[in-house]
Protein backbone atom coordinates (compact mmCIF):
# COMPACT_ATOMS: atom_id res chain seq x y z
CA MET A 1 -38.88 -49.56 -21.13
CA ASN A 2 -39.18 -45.88 -22.13
CA LYS A 3 -37.82 -44.91 -18.75
CA PHE A 4 -34.83 -47.26 -19.24
CA LYS A 5 -34.16 -45.71 -22.64
CA TYR A 6 -34.31 -42.19 -21.15
CA TYR A 7 -31.72 -43.08 -18.53
CA PHE A 8 -29.56 -44.86 -21.09
CA VAL A 9 -29.48 -41.78 -23.35
CA LEU A 10 -28.49 -39.67 -20.35
CA LEU A 11 -25.68 -42.06 -19.56
CA LEU A 12 -24.33 -41.92 -23.09
CA ALA A 13 -24.53 -38.11 -23.02
CA GLY A 14 -22.54 -38.06 -19.82
CA ILE A 15 -19.90 -40.32 -21.12
CA ALA A 16 -19.55 -38.15 -24.19
CA ILE A 17 -19.14 -34.96 -22.10
CA VAL A 18 -16.47 -36.58 -19.91
CA SER A 19 -14.72 -37.90 -23.04
CA CYS A 20 -14.78 -34.43 -24.59
CA ASN A 21 -13.47 -32.73 -21.35
CA LYS A 22 -10.65 -35.29 -21.04
CA LYS A 23 -9.67 -34.77 -24.71
CA ASP A 24 -9.64 -31.02 -24.02
CA ASP A 25 -7.53 -31.45 -20.99
CA ASP A 26 -5.11 -33.54 -22.89
CA ASN A 27 -4.78 -30.85 -25.62
CA ILE A 28 -4.01 -28.01 -23.23
CA GLU A 29 -0.99 -26.19 -24.42
CA ILE A 30 1.31 -24.41 -21.95
CA THR A 31 3.04 -21.43 -23.57
CA PRO A 32 6.62 -21.25 -22.46
CA PRO A 33 7.99 -17.82 -21.30
CA ARG A 34 9.35 -15.65 -24.07
CA ASP A 35 13.06 -15.34 -24.72
CA TYR A 36 14.52 -12.69 -22.31
CA ALA A 37 16.71 -11.15 -24.97
CA GLU A 38 13.94 -10.83 -27.53
CA GLN A 39 11.54 -9.44 -25.03
CA TYR A 40 14.06 -6.84 -23.85
CA LYS A 41 14.31 -5.55 -27.43
CA ALA A 42 10.57 -4.95 -27.44
CA ASP A 43 10.59 -3.48 -23.92
CA ASN A 44 13.42 -1.08 -24.75
CA ASP A 45 11.71 0.15 -27.83
CA SER A 46 8.54 0.84 -25.77
CA ILE A 47 10.46 2.54 -22.95
CA VAL A 48 12.39 4.82 -25.38
CA LYS A 49 9.18 5.71 -27.19
CA TYR A 50 7.56 6.48 -23.83
CA LEU A 51 10.49 8.74 -22.86
CA LYS A 52 10.30 10.59 -26.19
CA ASN A 53 6.58 11.11 -26.25
CA ASN A 54 5.96 12.23 -22.66
CA PHE A 55 7.05 15.07 -20.49
CA ILE A 56 7.25 15.56 -16.70
CA GLU A 57 6.28 18.18 -14.24
CA VAL A 58 8.15 17.88 -10.88
CA ASP A 59 7.18 19.64 -7.71
CA THR A 60 10.58 21.07 -6.52
CA GLN A 61 9.47 21.01 -2.88
CA THR A 62 7.84 17.55 -2.52
CA PHE A 63 9.38 15.92 -5.68
CA ASP A 64 5.96 14.55 -6.67
CA VAL A 65 5.92 14.09 -10.39
CA LYS A 66 3.23 14.16 -13.05
CA VAL A 67 3.71 12.50 -16.45
CA SER A 68 1.73 13.72 -19.44
CA LYS A 69 1.68 13.00 -23.17
CA ILE A 70 3.21 15.72 -25.29
CA THR A 71 0.56 17.78 -27.21
CA ASP A 72 2.58 20.92 -27.79
CA PRO A 73 6.33 20.03 -28.73
CA ALA A 74 7.15 23.80 -28.68
CA THR A 75 6.52 24.04 -24.95
CA GLN A 76 6.57 20.58 -23.65
CA VAL A 77 10.10 18.99 -23.75
CA SER A 78 10.17 15.17 -23.67
CA ILE A 79 11.65 13.19 -20.77
CA TRP A 80 14.35 12.12 -23.25
CA ASP A 81 15.39 15.59 -24.20
CA GLN A 82 14.71 17.72 -21.08
CA LYS A 83 17.89 18.95 -19.23
CA THR A 84 16.54 19.87 -15.86
CA TYR A 85 16.84 16.24 -14.68
CA PRO A 86 19.07 14.68 -17.30
CA LEU A 87 18.18 11.13 -18.21
CA GLU A 88 20.64 8.66 -16.89
CA TYR A 89 21.04 4.80 -17.26
CA ARG A 90 22.61 1.82 -15.66
CA ASP A 91 23.59 -1.28 -17.58
CA VAL A 92 22.35 -4.36 -15.68
CA TYR A 93 23.45 -7.99 -16.42
CA ASN A 94 20.65 -10.43 -15.73
CA ARG A 95 19.50 -13.67 -17.37
CA ASP A 96 22.36 -13.34 -19.83
CA VAL A 97 20.95 -10.05 -21.04
CA THR A 98 22.54 -6.65 -20.52
CA TYR A 99 19.62 -4.37 -19.76
CA ARG A 100 19.88 -0.58 -20.13
CA VAL A 101 17.82 0.75 -17.27
CA TYR A 102 16.90 4.50 -17.54
CA TYR A 103 16.35 6.64 -14.52
CA LEU A 104 15.95 10.22 -13.39
CA THR A 105 17.52 11.82 -10.33
CA PHE A 106 15.39 14.62 -8.87
CA ARG A 107 17.56 14.78 -5.70
CA LYS A 108 20.49 12.50 -4.86
CA GLY A 109 19.93 12.48 -1.08
CA ALA A 110 22.07 13.47 1.85
CA GLY A 111 22.41 10.24 3.74
CA GLU A 112 23.74 6.76 2.99
CA ALA A 113 23.30 4.79 -0.22
CA PRO A 114 21.85 1.23 0.18
CA CYS A 115 23.50 -1.73 -1.45
CA ASN A 116 21.32 -4.00 -3.54
CA PHE A 117 20.67 -6.41 -0.65
CA ASP A 118 19.69 -3.88 2.04
CA SER A 119 16.09 -3.06 3.13
CA VAL A 120 14.79 0.44 2.30
CA ASN A 121 11.97 2.53 3.42
CA VAL A 122 10.43 4.39 0.39
CA SER A 123 7.24 6.01 -0.84
CA TYR A 124 6.38 5.41 -4.46
CA VAL A 125 3.91 5.44 -7.30
CA GLY A 126 3.97 2.62 -9.89
CA SER A 127 2.38 2.87 -13.30
CA LEU A 128 2.39 1.19 -16.71
CA LEU A 129 3.53 2.90 -19.94
CA ASN A 130 -0.06 3.70 -20.86
CA GLY A 131 -0.36 5.80 -17.71
CA THR A 132 -2.40 3.17 -15.68
CA GLU A 133 -1.44 3.42 -12.05
CA PHE A 134 -1.21 0.05 -10.37
CA ASP A 135 0.30 0.89 -7.03
CA ASN A 136 0.67 3.88 -4.69
CA SER A 137 1.98 4.26 -1.18
CA TYR A 138 0.21 7.70 -0.95
CA GLY A 139 3.25 9.44 0.40
CA LEU A 140 3.80 6.95 3.24
CA GLY A 141 7.11 5.17 3.60
CA ARG A 142 6.97 1.34 3.13
CA ASP A 143 9.62 -1.09 3.90
CA LEU A 144 10.98 -2.97 0.89
CA ASN A 145 13.52 -5.74 0.86
CA LEU A 146 16.00 -5.50 -2.00
CA ASP A 147 17.32 -9.04 -1.41
CA VAL A 148 16.12 -11.00 -4.36
CA TYR A 149 16.40 -14.28 -2.50
CA ALA A 150 14.21 -13.19 0.51
CA ALA A 151 10.78 -14.78 0.85
CA VAL A 152 9.21 -11.37 0.38
CA SER A 153 11.28 -9.06 -1.78
CA SER A 154 10.94 -6.13 -4.15
CA LEU A 155 11.36 -6.29 -7.91
CA GLU A 156 14.88 -7.01 -9.14
CA GLY A 157 15.05 -3.55 -10.88
CA TRP A 158 14.60 -1.82 -7.53
CA GLY A 159 17.88 -3.28 -6.25
CA GLU A 160 19.71 -2.03 -9.36
CA ILE A 161 18.55 1.56 -9.11
CA MET A 162 18.27 2.23 -5.30
CA PRO A 163 22.04 2.24 -4.80
CA LYS A 164 22.26 5.24 -7.07
CA PHE A 165 20.41 7.30 -4.41
CA LYS A 166 20.92 8.16 -0.78
CA THR A 167 18.61 8.27 2.24
CA GLY A 168 17.23 11.36 3.87
CA VAL A 169 18.03 13.01 7.25
CA ARG A 170 15.55 11.99 9.92
CA SER A 171 13.93 14.55 12.22
CA ALA A 172 13.08 14.20 15.83
CA VAL A 173 10.12 11.88 16.56
CA GLY A 174 6.77 13.47 16.40
CA ALA A 175 3.98 13.51 19.01
CA ASP A 176 2.37 10.54 17.22
CA GLY A 177 5.59 8.55 17.30
CA THR A 178 6.46 8.90 13.61
CA TYR A 179 9.53 10.46 11.90
CA THR A 180 9.81 12.88 9.07
CA TYR A 181 12.68 13.05 6.59
CA SER A 182 14.39 15.90 4.73
CA ASP A 183 17.00 15.83 1.95
CA TYR A 184 15.87 12.33 0.94
CA GLY A 185 16.81 10.93 -2.42
CA ALA A 186 14.05 11.17 -5.05
CA GLY A 187 13.72 10.03 -8.64
CA MET A 188 12.11 7.83 -11.21
CA MET A 189 12.94 4.45 -12.82
CA PHE A 190 11.82 2.81 -16.04
CA LEU A 191 12.06 -0.91 -15.79
CA PRO A 192 12.01 -3.45 -18.57
CA SER A 193 9.76 -6.44 -17.84
CA GLY A 194 12.77 -8.74 -17.32
CA LEU A 195 13.53 -6.79 -14.10
CA GLY A 196 9.89 -6.54 -13.17
CA TYR A 197 7.24 -9.23 -13.16
CA TYR A 198 8.13 -10.57 -16.64
CA ALA A 199 5.73 -13.34 -17.68
CA ASN A 200 3.77 -13.22 -14.33
CA THR A 201 0.42 -11.39 -14.62
CA GLN A 202 -0.55 -9.28 -11.60
CA SER A 203 -4.05 -7.88 -10.88
CA ALA A 204 -3.52 -4.69 -12.86
CA ILE A 205 -0.28 -5.62 -14.69
CA PRO A 206 -0.33 -7.62 -17.85
CA ALA A 207 2.54 -10.06 -18.46
CA TYR A 208 5.70 -8.64 -20.13
CA SER A 209 4.87 -5.09 -18.88
CA PRO A 210 7.62 -2.47 -18.55
CA LEU A 211 7.04 -0.54 -15.30
CA VAL A 212 7.50 3.12 -14.29
CA PHE A 213 8.11 4.08 -10.71
CA SER A 214 8.53 7.51 -9.04
CA PHE A 215 9.98 7.16 -5.56
CA LYS A 216 11.45 8.88 -2.45
CA LEU A 217 14.11 7.03 -0.46
CA TYR A 218 13.74 7.89 3.28
CA SER A 219 15.94 5.37 5.18
CA LEU A 220 17.60 2.00 5.05
CA ARG A 221 18.39 -1.01 7.22
CA ARG A 222 21.72 -2.75 6.73
CA VAL A 223 21.84 -6.57 6.42
CA ASP A 224 24.31 -9.28 6.94
CA SER A 225 23.46 -11.98 4.32
CA GLU A 226 25.25 -15.24 5.07
CA TYR A 227 22.74 -17.98 5.55
CA ASN A 228 22.29 -21.66 6.41
CA ILE A 229 19.73 -24.04 4.74
CA THR A 230 17.61 -25.85 7.39
CA ALA A 231 14.54 -27.89 7.38
CA ASN A 232 12.65 -24.60 7.60
CA GLY A 233 14.35 -23.18 4.60
CA ARG A 234 16.93 -20.38 4.24
CA VAL A 235 17.87 -18.83 7.63
CA VAL A 236 19.98 -15.74 7.54
CA VAL A 237 22.71 -15.74 10.31
CA GLY A 238 25.40 -13.45 8.93
CA ASP A 239 29.14 -13.45 9.64
CA GLY A 240 29.49 -10.21 11.53
CA VAL A 241 30.39 -8.05 8.49
CA PRO A 242 27.38 -6.18 6.89
CA THR A 243 26.73 -7.05 3.29
CA TYR A 244 27.43 -3.51 2.04
CA LEU A 245 30.98 -3.77 3.39
CA GLU A 246 31.64 -7.06 1.60
CA ASP A 247 31.33 -5.12 -1.74
CA ILE A 248 35.11 -5.62 -2.45
CA ASN A 249 35.10 -3.59 -5.66
CA GLY A 250 33.18 -0.71 -4.00
CA ASP A 251 30.61 -0.38 -6.82
CA GLY A 252 27.58 -0.62 -4.43
CA TYR A 253 26.49 -4.00 -5.73
CA VAL A 254 27.08 -7.70 -4.84
CA TYR A 255 25.99 -10.75 -6.74
CA ASP A 256 26.00 -14.47 -6.06
CA GLN A 257 27.81 -16.07 -8.96
CA ARG A 258 26.51 -19.46 -7.95
CA ASP A 259 23.08 -18.36 -9.24
CA THR A 260 23.65 -19.44 -12.78
CA SER A 261 19.97 -18.98 -13.65
CA ARG A 262 20.24 -15.22 -13.16
CA PHE A 263 24.02 -14.94 -13.90
CA PRO A 264 25.11 -17.65 -16.30
CA ASN A 265 28.15 -15.56 -17.33
CA LEU A 266 28.63 -12.97 -14.56
CA PRO A 267 31.34 -10.52 -15.74
CA LYS A 268 34.50 -10.71 -13.59
CA GLU A 269 34.29 -7.05 -12.62
CA LEU A 270 30.98 -7.74 -10.89
CA ILE A 271 32.37 -10.54 -8.63
CA ASP A 272 33.33 -9.77 -5.02
CA ASP A 273 35.17 -12.94 -3.97
CA THR A 274 38.35 -12.44 -1.97
CA ASP A 275 39.53 -16.11 -1.90
CA GLY A 276 38.29 -17.00 -5.38
CA ASP A 277 36.39 -20.05 -4.12
CA GLY A 278 33.34 -19.31 -6.21
CA ILE A 279 31.37 -17.97 -3.19
CA ALA A 280 31.00 -14.17 -3.06
CA ASP A 281 32.11 -12.67 0.20
CA PHE A 282 28.61 -11.56 1.25
CA VAL A 283 27.44 -15.18 1.41
CA ASP A 284 30.82 -16.70 2.38
CA PHE A 285 31.46 -17.63 6.06
CA ASP A 286 35.23 -17.76 5.45
CA ASP A 287 36.05 -14.77 3.26
CA ASP A 288 39.75 -15.37 2.93
CA GLY A 289 39.62 -19.18 2.66
CA ASP A 290 42.10 -19.81 5.49
CA GLY A 291 39.92 -22.33 7.27
CA TYR A 292 38.85 -19.85 10.04
CA THR A 293 35.51 -18.20 9.87
CA THR A 294 35.11 -14.55 9.38
CA ARG A 295 33.14 -14.28 12.70
CA PHE A 296 36.06 -15.98 14.53
CA GLU A 297 38.57 -13.70 13.00
CA ILE A 298 36.63 -10.51 14.00
CA THR A 299 36.13 -11.61 17.62
CA LYS A 300 37.81 -9.45 20.11
CA PRO A 301 40.53 -11.48 21.80
CA THR A 302 41.17 -11.39 25.47
CA GLY A 303 43.42 -8.51 26.50
CA ALA A 304 43.13 -6.68 23.16
CA PRO A 305 42.63 -2.94 23.20
CA PHE A 306 38.99 -2.33 22.46
CA SER A 307 35.91 -0.40 23.64
CA GLY A 308 32.18 -0.92 23.26
CA ILE A 309 29.83 -3.73 24.32
CA SER A 310 30.00 -6.00 21.25
CA LEU A 311 32.00 -9.24 21.27
CA TYR A 312 33.14 -8.44 17.75
CA TYR A 313 35.07 -5.59 16.12
CA PRO A 314 33.00 -3.37 13.89
CA TYR A 315 34.31 -2.95 10.43
CA ASN A 316 35.45 0.58 11.28
CA PRO A 317 35.38 2.68 14.52
CA MET A 318 31.78 3.75 15.06
CA PRO A 319 29.90 6.32 17.15
CA ASP A 320 27.20 5.74 19.68
CA ASN A 321 23.64 5.15 18.38
CA PRO A 322 21.54 8.22 19.50
CA ASP A 323 18.36 6.14 19.42
CA THR A 324 19.50 3.92 22.32
CA LYS A 325 19.59 6.45 25.18
CA ASN A 326 20.76 4.02 27.93
CA VAL A 327 23.39 2.10 26.03
CA ASP A 328 26.76 3.28 24.64
CA GLU A 329 27.69 1.26 21.55
CA SER A 330 30.58 3.54 20.40
CA GLU A 331 33.67 1.76 19.29
CA ILE A 332 37.03 3.38 18.89
CA TRP A 333 38.61 0.33 17.19
CA GLY A 334 37.66 -1.46 13.90
CA ILE A 335 38.67 -4.81 12.62
CA PRO A 336 42.49 -4.80 12.82
CA ARG A 337 45.08 -5.77 10.26
CA ARG A 338 48.17 -7.78 10.94
CA PHE A 339 50.03 -5.83 13.57
CA THR A 340 52.82 -3.53 12.52
CA GLY A 341 54.26 -2.32 15.81
CA PRO A 342 57.51 -3.38 17.54
CA LEU A 343 57.99 -7.11 18.39
CA VAL A 344 57.04 -8.14 21.88
CA ASP A 345 60.80 -9.04 22.33
CA PRO A 346 62.85 -7.04 19.90
CA SER A 347 65.88 -9.38 20.44
CA LYS A 348 64.14 -12.38 19.05
CA PRO A 349 62.71 -13.09 15.60
CA GLU A 350 58.98 -12.76 14.89
CA SER A 351 56.96 -15.86 15.69
CA ALA A 352 53.56 -17.03 17.09
CA THR A 353 55.04 -16.49 20.57
CA ASN A 354 56.76 -13.28 19.72
CA PRO A 355 54.41 -11.34 17.50
CA LYS A 356 54.50 -7.63 16.55
CA THR A 357 52.53 -5.33 18.84
CA ALA A 358 49.47 -3.28 17.79
CA THR A 359 49.47 0.35 16.71
CA VAL A 360 46.42 2.63 16.70
CA GLU A 361 46.64 2.64 12.94
CA ASP A 362 46.34 -1.11 12.82
CA TYR A 363 42.71 -0.63 13.98
CA THR A 364 41.86 2.63 12.22
CA ASP A 365 43.74 2.94 8.88
CA PRO A 366 40.98 2.93 6.31
CA THR A 367 43.30 1.21 3.73
CA ARG A 368 44.34 -1.71 6.03
CA LEU A 369 43.88 -5.33 5.00
CA ARG A 370 41.58 -6.53 7.79
CA LEU A 371 42.21 -9.87 9.50
CA HIS A 372 39.19 -11.62 7.93
CA LEU A 373 40.47 -10.78 4.41
CA ASP A 374 44.11 -11.81 5.11
CA LYS A 375 44.53 -15.54 4.66
CA ASN A 376 48.00 -15.32 6.27
CA ASN A 377 46.58 -14.00 9.53
CA HIS A 378 43.86 -15.57 11.64
CA SER A 379 45.13 -15.77 15.22
CA GLY A 380 43.40 -12.56 16.36
CA THR A 381 46.70 -11.32 17.74
CA GLY A 382 47.99 -9.82 14.67
CA TYR A 383 50.50 -12.55 13.81
């Protein structure tokens, strides 16, 4: 009997514990993310305070930078007030907030500027406002994807600041197969949490942390962003025109206005949409909305004057790639406009069977309206 009582007491205790745990589970509260606009106010205050209470020492040869707290205002000029590398900013629209993102330019760079969807090779150091270092590439270039929709991509703030810099000039390959770069862009960015990890806690980064990065931009890889959705997810296939060349307003940035989560009210001046169909050119397979795909319209027709090995016209004439020793990719013709030369038969009116003939300028004039952006022209013959 005593043994029965013992086990009965244990059973009751077990039931009580399970009941308590279930009650605790039922009462778990999930804290929703903070309001983006309110968090930005706090982040901006913290970043401005950081800029006014710290000073920098920049190695003018390597552009390595050291940040220290001001202890002697007479000799240590704040990041905010120093004039050697004047503090700059870029206003960024995201999540219905206009973020003011501060950055410093130590050197602009001598190469090409990436757009905000390209891939870049950079070295960097990342830290919190309290000075805690959370990441470091130790001077080695790492490939980072600026495409915010890629499976593995960098922070959104990176894509907003990188186009303000240019790549370096690559040297000859070394004995170990690596390259070195000179005249690369170098600088520093100060990101509010809304353009960083926001509510997501990382190993050394608390939620809602503004982030500081110093960086050197070595090289880039251009992308062509049009994609299909398949059973395996998003598959990028492109339309033959690199994304940076589908930046119609030429500001260095493209945005997908269909993403109403990030861009619920994207300003008109940030939209690059030739045919006004609500799909930005960089993700639109038919940029001018004429029913013919961009790739079809930039295909070299039989008998057309062209050079190079590609089946498609490049956006502009292009030189040979020096890295491919046994292949000549040079192209003397770019995507043409509607032809402007004499009619095939000047005695007859212009028609599909009697189009105007091509001139050199139709393939080379930098101001031309290229076929894939001209909805009245899709034949590939210039008519």
